[in-house]
């Protein structure tokens, strides 16, 4: 296979959970492409360091590495132009660049403290220890459990932060318009990450964002829904 994808897993190699890897998974499916999955874990830095990266996703195309989900999306768009467009033109690509930053800050950053202590439960001991030590250092030494302790109120603020997206989805089925594009996959990656690693309910079932997420779970013959996850 000419395409290979290093993607983050835990104890279950069939349970990829990085939000950024899910952006790439959805982009590949949108393009009608398949990639051989190369399961990768937090402490396996040596497996990807020869490709110039310390984190995933890393896409190999004929063994040429492409690093970072945004770079991969652009690479797929530029190198497979005969396949369905991820952006719908240069204007769409420019808007997706802004959404890529918003997805990092508001979606991944907003979800992280709500599920952070659930993540090690999916990891082998060596990776769980690495994750705990590195992430607790980011939070000034607070334990993962302390960071997550206020998620009952934190999720209310997170839901409020989605209001612009919610208003958009009341008027069109996808962020990309009548059909999903890479803008949708940017945001969906965060929700799929949470669904895979945590039983915590981020969205109310009557939320337009919930309905949107359901449609993307069913996209591409239910690829994301078929991936192991929690019923949230």
C-alpha atoms as a PDB file:
ATOM      1  CA  UNK A   1       0.000   0.000   0.000  1.00  0.00           C
ATOM      2  CA  UNK A   2       1.458   3.375  -0.987  1.00  0.00           C
ATOM      3  CA  UNK A   3      -0.083   5.229   1.987  1.00  0.00           C
ATOM      4  CA  UNK A   4       0.682   4.399   5.609  1.00  0.00           C
ATOM      5  CA  UNK A   5      -0.516   6.255   8.685  1.00  0.00           C
ATOM      6  CA  UNK A   6       1.072   6.293  12.122  1.00  0.00           C
ATOM      7  CA  UNK A   7      -1.824   6.863  14.532  1.00  0.00           C
ATOM      8  CA  UNK A   8      -2.119   6.956  18.301  1.00  0.00           C
ATOM      9  CA  UNK A   9      -3.536   3.923  20.108  1.00  0.00           C
ATOM     10  CA  UNK A  10      -3.505   2.540  23.637  1.00  0.00           C
ATOM     11  CA  UNK A  11      -3.812  -1.031  24.805  1.00  0.00           C
ATOM     12  CA  UNK A  12      -6.237  -1.723  21.934  1.00  0.00           C
ATOM     13  CA  UNK A  13      -4.462  -1.301  18.603  1.00  0.00           C
ATOM     14  CA  UNK A  14      -7.851  -1.164  16.861  1.00  0.00           C
ATOM     15  CA  UNK A  15      -8.942   1.875  18.919  1.00  0.00           C
ATOM     16  CA  UNK A  16      -7.186   4.982  17.498  1.00  0.00           C
ATOM     17  CA  UNK A  17      -7.978   8.038  19.579  1.00  0.00           C
ATOM     18  CA  UNK A  18      -5.937  11.108  18.652  1.00  0.00           C
ATOM     19  CA  UNK A  19      -8.165  14.007  17.523  1.00  0.00           C
ATOM     20  CA  UNK A  20      -5.558  14.888  14.921  1.00  0.00           C
ATOM     21  CA  UNK A  21      -5.333  11.350  13.598  1.00  0.00           C
ATOM     22  CA  UNK A  22      -9.118  11.334  13.258  1.00  0.00           C
ATOM     23  CA  UNK A  23      -8.929  14.495  11.186  1.00  0.00           C
ATOM     24  CA  UNK A  24      -6.589  12.621   8.865  1.00  0.00           C
ATOM     25  CA  UNK A  25      -8.688   9.444   8.870  1.00  0.00           C
ATOM     26  CA  UNK A  26     -11.745  11.416   7.792  1.00  0.00           C
ATOM     27  CA  UNK A  27      -9.747  13.316   5.167  1.00  0.00           C
ATOM     28  CA  UNK A  28      -8.477  10.082   3.653  1.00  0.00           C
ATOM     29  CA  UNK A  29     -11.991   8.656   3.530  1.00  0.00           C
ATOM     30  CA  UNK A  30     -13.303  11.858   1.936  1.00  0.00           C
ATOM     31  CA  UNK A  31     -10.651  11.512  -0.756  1.00  0.00           C
ATOM     32  CA  UNK A  32     -11.559   7.870  -1.293  1.00  0.00           C
ATOM     33  CA  UNK A  33      -8.110   6.797  -0.164  1.00  0.00           C
ATOM     34  CA  UNK A  34      -7.026   4.073   2.221  1.00  0.00           C
ATOM     35  CA  UNK A  35      -3.881   3.918   4.297  1.00  0.00           C
ATOM     36  CA  UNK A  36      -2.288   1.072   6.181  1.00  0.00           C
ATOM     37  CA  UNK A  37      -2.644   1.798   9.892  1.00  0.00           C
ATOM     38  CA  UNK A  38       0.612   1.792  11.851  1.00  0.00           C
ATOM     39  CA  UNK A  39      -0.406   1.758  15.542  1.00  0.00           C
ATOM     40  CA  UNK A  40       1.768   4.049  17.664  1.00  0.00           C
ATOM     41  CA  UNK A  41       1.904   4.692  21.401  1.00  0.00           C
ATOM     42  CA  UNK A  42       3.108   7.639  23.462  1.00  0.00           C
ATOM     43  CA  UNK A  43       6.435   6.084  24.455  1.00  0.00           C
ATOM     44  CA  UNK A  44       7.316   4.789  20.977  1.00  0.00           C
ATOM     45  CA  UNK A  45       9.114   7.963  19.911  1.00  0.00           C
ATOM     46  CA  UNK A  46      11.818   5.977  18.122  1.00  0.00           C
ATOM     47  CA  UNK A  47       9.309   4.665  15.583  1.00  0.00           C
ATOM     48  CA  UNK A  48       8.580   8.119  14.157  1.00  0.00           C
ATOM     49  CA  UNK A  49      11.735  10.075  14.975  1.00  0.00           C
ATOM     50  CA  UNK A  50      13.418   8.908  11.725  1.00  0.00           C
ATOM     51  CA  UNK A  51      10.557  10.686   9.926  1.00  0.00           C
ATOM     52  CA  UNK A  52      11.306  13.958  11.692  1.00  0.00           C
ATOM     53  CA  UNK A  53       8.443  13.935  14.175  1.00  0.00           C
ATOM     54  CA  UNK A  54       7.768  13.296  17.851  1.00  0.00           C
ATOM     55  CA  UNK A  55       3.995  13.067  17.532  1.00  0.00           C
ATOM     56  CA  UNK A  56       1.329  11.713  15.233  1.00  0.00           C
ATOM     57  CA  UNK A  57      -0.231  11.690  12.728  1.00  0.00           C
ATOM     58  CA  UNK A  58       2.591  10.932  10.340  1.00  0.00           C
ATOM     59  CA  UNK A  59       1.541   9.939   6.844  1.00  0.00           C
ATOM     60  CA  UNK A  60       3.947   8.033   4.625  1.00  0.00           C
ATOM     61  CA  UNK A  61       3.345   8.261   0.876  1.00  0.00           C
ATOM     62  CA  UNK A  62       5.769   5.924  -0.899  1.00  0.00           C
ATOM     63  CA  UNK A  63       7.770   6.260   2.348  1.00  0.00           C
ATOM     64  CA  UNK A  64       7.884  10.067   2.090  1.00  0.00           C
ATOM     65  CA  UNK A  65       6.756  11.464   5.466  1.00  0.00           C
ATOM     66  CA  UNK A  66       4.130  14.170   5.827  1.00  0.00           C
ATOM     67  CA  UNK A  67       3.824  15.470   9.386  1.00  0.00           C
ATOM     68  CA  UNK A  68       0.895  17.211  11.121  1.00  0.00           C
ATOM     69  CA  UNK A  69      -2.798  16.816  10.290  1.00  0.00           C
ATOM     70  CA  UNK A  70      -3.099  20.230   8.593  1.00  0.00           C
ATOM     71  CA  UNK A  71      -0.055  19.565   6.424  1.00  0.00           C
ATOM     72  CA  UNK A  72      -1.434  16.134   5.584  1.00  0.00           C
ATOM     73  CA  UNK A  73      -4.795  17.592   4.510  1.00  0.00           C
ATOM     74  CA  UNK A  74      -3.035  20.038   2.206  1.00  0.00           C
ATOM     75  CA  UNK A  75      -0.798  17.295   0.863  1.00  0.00           C
ATOM     76  CA  UNK A  76      -3.783  15.076   0.069  1.00  0.00           C
ATOM     77  CA  UNK A  77      -5.578  17.974  -1.616  1.00  0.00           C
ATOM     78  CA  UNK A  78      -2.583  18.899  -3.756  1.00  0.00           C
ATOM     79  CA  UNK A  79      -1.372  15.418  -4.611  1.00  0.00           C
ATOM     80  CA  UNK A  80      -4.722  13.773  -5.279  1.00  0.00           C
ATOM     81  CA  UNK A  81      -6.512  16.521  -7.228  1.00  0.00           C
ATOM     82  CA  UNK A  82      -8.760  14.114  -9.101  1.00  0.00           C
ATOM     83  CA  UNK A  83     -10.320  12.909  -5.850  1.00  0.00           C
ATOM     84  CA  UNK A  84     -13.110  14.869  -4.085  1.00  0.00           C
ATOM     85  CA  UNK A  85     -11.857  18.199  -2.763  1.00  0.00           C
ATOM     86  CA  UNK A  86     -11.362  18.626   0.975  1.00  0.00           C
ATOM     87  CA  UNK A  87     -11.748  22.403   0.770  1.00  0.00           C
ATOM     88  CA  UNK A  88     -13.837  23.237  -2.286  1.00  0.00           C
ATOM     89  CA  UNK A  89     -11.308  25.754  -3.576  1.00  0.00           C
ATOM     90  CA  UNK A  90      -8.724  28.153  -2.212  1.00  0.00           C
ATOM     91  CA  UNK A  91     -11.312  30.216  -0.345  1.00  0.00           C
ATOM     92  CA  UNK A  92     -12.438  27.122   1.491  1.00  0.00           C
ATOM     93  CA  UNK A  93      -8.840  26.219   2.270  1.00  0.00           C
ATOM     94  CA  UNK A  94      -8.239  29.671   3.727  1.00  0.00           C
ATOM     95  CA  UNK A  95     -11.329  29.445   5.947  1.00  0.00           C
ATOM     96  CA  UNK A  96     -10.362  25.930   7.018  1.00  0.00           C
ATOM     97  CA  UNK A  97      -7.007  27.293   8.169  1.00  0.00           C
ATOM     98  CA  UNK A  98      -8.816  29.520  10.658  1.00  0.00           C
ATOM     99  CA  UNK A  99     -11.040  26.643  11.742  1.00  0.00           C
ATOM    100  CA  UNK A 100      -7.961  24.477  12.216  1.00  0.00           C
ATOM    101  CA  UNK A 101      -6.733  26.906  14.863  1.00  0.00           C
ATOM    102  CA  UNK A 102     -10.209  27.165  16.408  1.00  0.00           C
ATOM    103  CA  UNK A 103     -10.426  23.387  16.514  1.00  0.00           C
ATOM    104  CA  UNK A 104      -7.116  23.194  18.355  1.00  0.00           C
ATOM    105  CA  UNK A 105      -7.978  25.887  20.897  1.00  0.00           C
ATOM    106  CA  UNK A 106     -11.739  25.707  21.452  1.00  0.00           C
ATOM    107  CA  UNK A 107     -12.517  22.065  20.680  1.00  0.00           C
ATOM    108  CA  UNK A 108      -9.445  20.038  21.654  1.00  0.00           C
ATOM    109  CA  UNK A 109      -8.463  22.571  24.319  1.00  0.00           C
ATOM    110  CA  UNK A 110     -12.031  22.796  25.597  1.00  0.00           C
ATOM    111  CA  UNK A 111     -12.553  19.048  25.794  1.00  0.00           C
ATOM    112  CA  UNK A 112      -9.169  18.125  27.264  1.00  0.00           C
ATOM    113  CA  UNK A 113      -9.828  19.069  30.921  1.00  0.00           C
ATOM    114  CA  UNK A 114     -13.208  17.305  30.750  1.00  0.00           C
ATOM    115  CA  UNK A 115     -11.750  13.890  29.883  1.00  0.00           C
ATOM    116  CA  UNK A 116      -8.090  14.095  30.882  1.00  0.00           C
ATOM    117  CA  UNK A 117      -8.194  11.592  33.759  1.00  0.00           C
ATOM    118  CA  UNK A 118     -10.089   9.075  31.622  1.00  0.00           C
ATOM    119  CA  UNK A 119      -7.338   8.854  29.016  1.00  0.00           C
ATOM    120  CA  UNK A 120      -4.800   6.792  31.062  1.00  0.00           C
ATOM    121  CA  UNK A 121      -7.444   4.100  31.534  1.00  0.00           C
ATOM    122  CA  UNK A 122      -6.959   3.302  27.846  1.00  0.00           C
ATOM    123  CA  UNK A 123      -3.167   3.008  28.093  1.00  0.00           C
ATOM    124  CA  UNK A 124      -0.613   0.439  29.117  1.00  0.00           C
ATOM    125  CA  UNK A 125       1.204   1.246  32.358  1.00  0.00           C
ATOM    126  CA  UNK A 126       4.310   2.711  30.731  1.00  0.00           C
ATOM    127  CA  UNK A 127       2.267   5.007  28.506  1.00  0.00           C
ATOM    128  CA  UNK A 128      -0.128   5.935  31.310  1.00  0.00           C
ATOM    129  CA  UNK A 129       2.838   6.941  33.478  1.00  0.00           C
ATOM    130  CA  UNK A 130       4.284   9.040  30.652  1.00  0.00           C
ATOM    131  CA  UNK A 131       0.934  10.684  29.971  1.00  0.00           C
ATOM    132  CA  UNK A 132       0.294  11.475  33.623  1.00  0.00           C
ATOM    133  CA  UNK A 133       3.735  12.936  34.275  1.00  0.00           C
ATOM    134  CA  UNK A 134       3.857  15.045  31.099  1.00  0.00           C
ATOM    135  CA  UNK A 135       0.289  16.368  31.347  1.00  0.00           C
ATOM    136  CA  UNK A 136       0.379  17.068  35.066  1.00  0.00           C
ATOM    137  CA  UNK A 137       3.495  19.151  34.423  1.00  0.00           C
ATOM    138  CA  UNK A 138       1.486  21.226  31.929  1.00  0.00           C
ATOM    139  CA  UNK A 139      -1.085  21.925  34.618  1.00  0.00           C
ATOM    140  CA  UNK A 140       1.431  23.138  37.170  1.00  0.00           C
ATOM    141  CA  UNK A 141       1.625  19.850  39.037  1.00  0.00           C
ATOM    142  CA  UNK A 142      -2.119  19.393  39.530  1.00  0.00           C
ATOM    143  CA  UNK A 143      -3.206  15.782  39.279  1.00  0.00           C
ATOM    144  CA  UNK A 144      -5.279  14.731  36.300  1.00  0.00           C
ATOM    145  CA  UNK A 145      -8.131  14.007  38.690  1.00  0.00           C
ATOM    146  CA  UNK A 146      -7.941  17.524  40.148  1.00  0.00           C
ATOM    147  CA  UNK A 147      -7.967  19.025  36.657  1.00  0.00           C
ATOM    148  CA  UNK A 148     -11.076  17.017  35.787  1.00  0.00           C
ATOM    149  CA  UNK A 149     -12.850  17.455  39.129  1.00  0.00           C
ATOM    150  CA  UNK A 150     -14.921  20.430  37.964  1.00  0.00           C
ATOM    151  CA  UNK A 151     -16.029  18.947  34.658  1.00  0.00           C
ATOM    152  CA  UNK A 152     -19.682  19.000  35.731  1.00  0.00           C
ATOM    153  CA  UNK A 153     -19.599  22.776  35.514  1.00  0.00           C
ATOM    154  CA  UNK A 154     -16.863  22.900  32.894  1.00  0.00           C
ATOM    155  CA  UNK A 155     -18.991  21.076  30.348  1.00  0.00           C
ATOM    156  CA  UNK A 156     -21.674  23.770  30.659  1.00  0.00           C
ATOM    157  CA  UNK A 157     -19.135  26.400  29.627  1.00  0.00           C
ATOM    158  CA  UNK A 158     -17.884  24.152  26.829  1.00  0.00           C
ATOM    159  CA  UNK A 159     -21.384  23.735  25.439  1.00  0.00           C
ATOM    160  CA  UNK A 160     -21.897  27.506  25.509  1.00  0.00           C
ATOM    161  CA  UNK A 161     -18.659  27.949  23.571  1.00  0.00           C
ATOM    162  CA  UNK A 162     -20.211  26.031  20.655  1.00  0.00           C
ATOM    163  CA  UNK A 163     -22.986  28.558  20.072  1.00  0.00           C
ATOM    164  CA  UNK A 164     -21.578  29.967  16.825  1.00  0.00           C
ATOM    165  CA  UNK A 165     -21.284  26.445  15.462  1.00  0.00           C
ATOM    166  CA  UNK A 166     -24.774  25.650  16.753  1.00  0.00           C
ATOM    167  CA  UNK A 167     -26.300  28.637  14.990  1.00  0.00           C
ATOM    168  CA  UNK A 168     -24.559  27.629  11.765  1.00  0.00           C
ATOM    169  CA  UNK A 169     -25.858  24.069  11.967  1.00  0.00           C
ATOM    170  CA  UNK A 170     -29.414  25.294  12.429  1.00  0.00           C
ATOM    171  CA  UNK A 171     -29.184  26.676   8.894  1.00  0.00           C
ATOM    172  CA  UNK A 172     -27.100  24.068   7.103  1.00  0.00           C
ATOM    173  CA  UNK A 173     -26.376  20.395   7.798  1.00  0.00           C
ATOM    174  CA  UNK A 174     -22.580  20.701   7.905  1.00  0.00           C
ATOM    175  CA  UNK A 175     -19.952  23.327   8.583  1.00  0.00           C
ATOM    176  CA  UNK A 176     -18.913  22.853   4.972  1.00  0.00           C
ATOM    177  CA  UNK A 177     -22.468  23.489   3.737  1.00  0.00           C
ATOM    178  CA  UNK A 178     -24.707  20.853   2.182  1.00  0.00           C
ATOM    179  CA  UNK A 179     -21.991  18.193   2.535  1.00  0.00           C
ATOM    180  CA  UNK A 180     -19.076  17.768   4.940  1.00  0.00           C
ATOM    181  CA  UNK A 181     -15.567  18.874   4.099  1.00  0.00           C
ATOM    182  CA  UNK A 182     -12.302  19.259   5.981  1.00  0.00           C
ATOM    183  CA  UNK A 183     -13.759  22.032   8.171  1.00  0.00           C
ATOM    184  CA  UNK A 184     -16.142  19.428   9.598  1.00  0.00           C
ATOM    185  CA  UNK A 185     -13.395  16.874  10.087  1.00  0.00           C
ATOM    186  CA  UNK A 186     -11.284  19.366  12.043  1.00  0.00           C
ATOM    187  CA  UNK A 187     -14.021  19.767  14.631  1.00  0.00           C
ATOM    188  CA  UNK A 188     -15.267  16.185  14.518  1.00  0.00           C
ATOM    189  CA  UNK A 189     -11.801  14.856  15.372  1.00  0.00           C
ATOM    190  CA  UNK A 190     -12.106  16.294  18.870  1.00  0.00           C
ATOM    191  CA  UNK A 191     -15.518  14.784  19.508  1.00  0.00           C
ATOM    192  CA  UNK A 192     -14.435  11.392  18.195  1.00  0.00           C
ATOM    193  CA  UNK A 193     -11.353  11.490  20.421  1.00  0.00           C
ATOM    194  CA  UNK A 194     -13.583  12.077  23.450  1.00  0.00           C
ATOM    195  CA  UNK A 195     -16.038   9.361  22.385  1.00  0.00           C
ATOM    196  CA  UNK A 196     -13.241   6.804  22.104  1.00  0.00           C
ATOM    197  CA  UNK A 197     -11.534   7.451  25.444  1.00  0.00           C
ATOM    198  CA  UNK A 198     -14.225   8.692  27.831  1.00  0.00           C
ATOM    199  CA  UNK A 199     -17.796   7.835  28.888  1.00  0.00           C
ATOM    200  CA  UNK A 200     -18.431  11.490  29.777  1.00  0.00           C
ATOM    201  CA  UNK A 201     -21.346  13.034  27.881  1.00  0.00           C
ATOM    202  CA  UNK A 202     -20.226  16.252  26.177  1.00  0.00           C
ATOM    203  CA  UNK A 203     -23.429  17.064  24.263  1.00  0.00           C
ATOM    204  CA  UNK A 204     -27.134  16.997  24.998  1.00  0.00           C
ATOM    205  CA  UNK A 205     -29.090  14.837  22.565  1.00  0.00           C
ATOM    206  CA  UNK A 206     -31.277  17.760  21.425  1.00  0.00           C
ATOM    207  CA  UNK A 207     -28.257  19.890  20.496  1.00  0.00           C
ATOM    208  CA  UNK A 208     -27.767  20.573  16.754  1.00  0.00           C
ATOM    209  CA  UNK A 209     -24.089  19.843  17.338  1.00  0.00           C
ATOM    210  CA  UNK A 210     -25.060  16.365  18.571  1.00  0.00           C
ATOM    211  CA  UNK A 211     -27.114  15.759  15.399  1.00  0.00           C
ATOM    212  CA  UNK A 212     -24.166  16.925  13.294  1.00  0.00           C
ATOM    213  CA  UNK A 213     -21.808  14.586  15.137  1.00  0.00           C
ATOM    214  CA  UNK A 214     -24.214  11.694  14.565  1.00  0.00           C
ATOM    215  CA  UNK A 215     -24.161  12.317  10.802  1.00  0.00           C
ATOM    216  CA  UNK A 216     -20.378  12.254  10.759  1.00  0.00           C
ATOM    217  CA  UNK A 217     -20.300   9.086  12.836  1.00  0.00           C
ATOM    218  CA  UNK A 218     -22.352   7.512  10.064  1.00  0.00           C
ATOM    219  CA  UNK A 219     -20.283   8.988   7.209  1.00  0.00           C
ATOM    220  CA  UNK A 220     -18.184   6.727   4.996  1.00  0.00           C
ATOM    221  CA  UNK A 221     -20.210   3.642   5.822  1.00  0.00           C
ATOM    222  CA  UNK A 222     -20.077   4.369   9.539  1.00  0.00           C
ATOM    223  CA  UNK A 223     -16.279   4.320   9.728  1.00  0.00           C
ATOM    224  CA  UNK A 224     -16.073   6.413  12.910  1.00  0.00           C
ATOM    225  CA  UNK A 225     -19.049   4.770  14.594  1.00  0.00           C
ATOM    226  CA  UNK A 226     -17.610   1.317  13.959  1.00  0.00           C
ATOM    227  CA  UNK A 227     -14.406   2.301  15.737  1.00  0.00           C
ATOM    228  CA  UNK A 228     -14.675   1.226  19.387  1.00  0.00           C
ATOM    229  CA  UNK A 229     -16.037   3.984  21.623  1.00  0.00           C
ATOM    230  CA  UNK A 230     -18.476   4.895  24.359  1.00  0.00           C
ATOM    231  CA  UNK A 231     -22.236   5.360  23.716  1.00  0.00           C
ATOM    232  CA  UNK A 232     -22.240   9.105  24.324  1.00  0.00           C
END
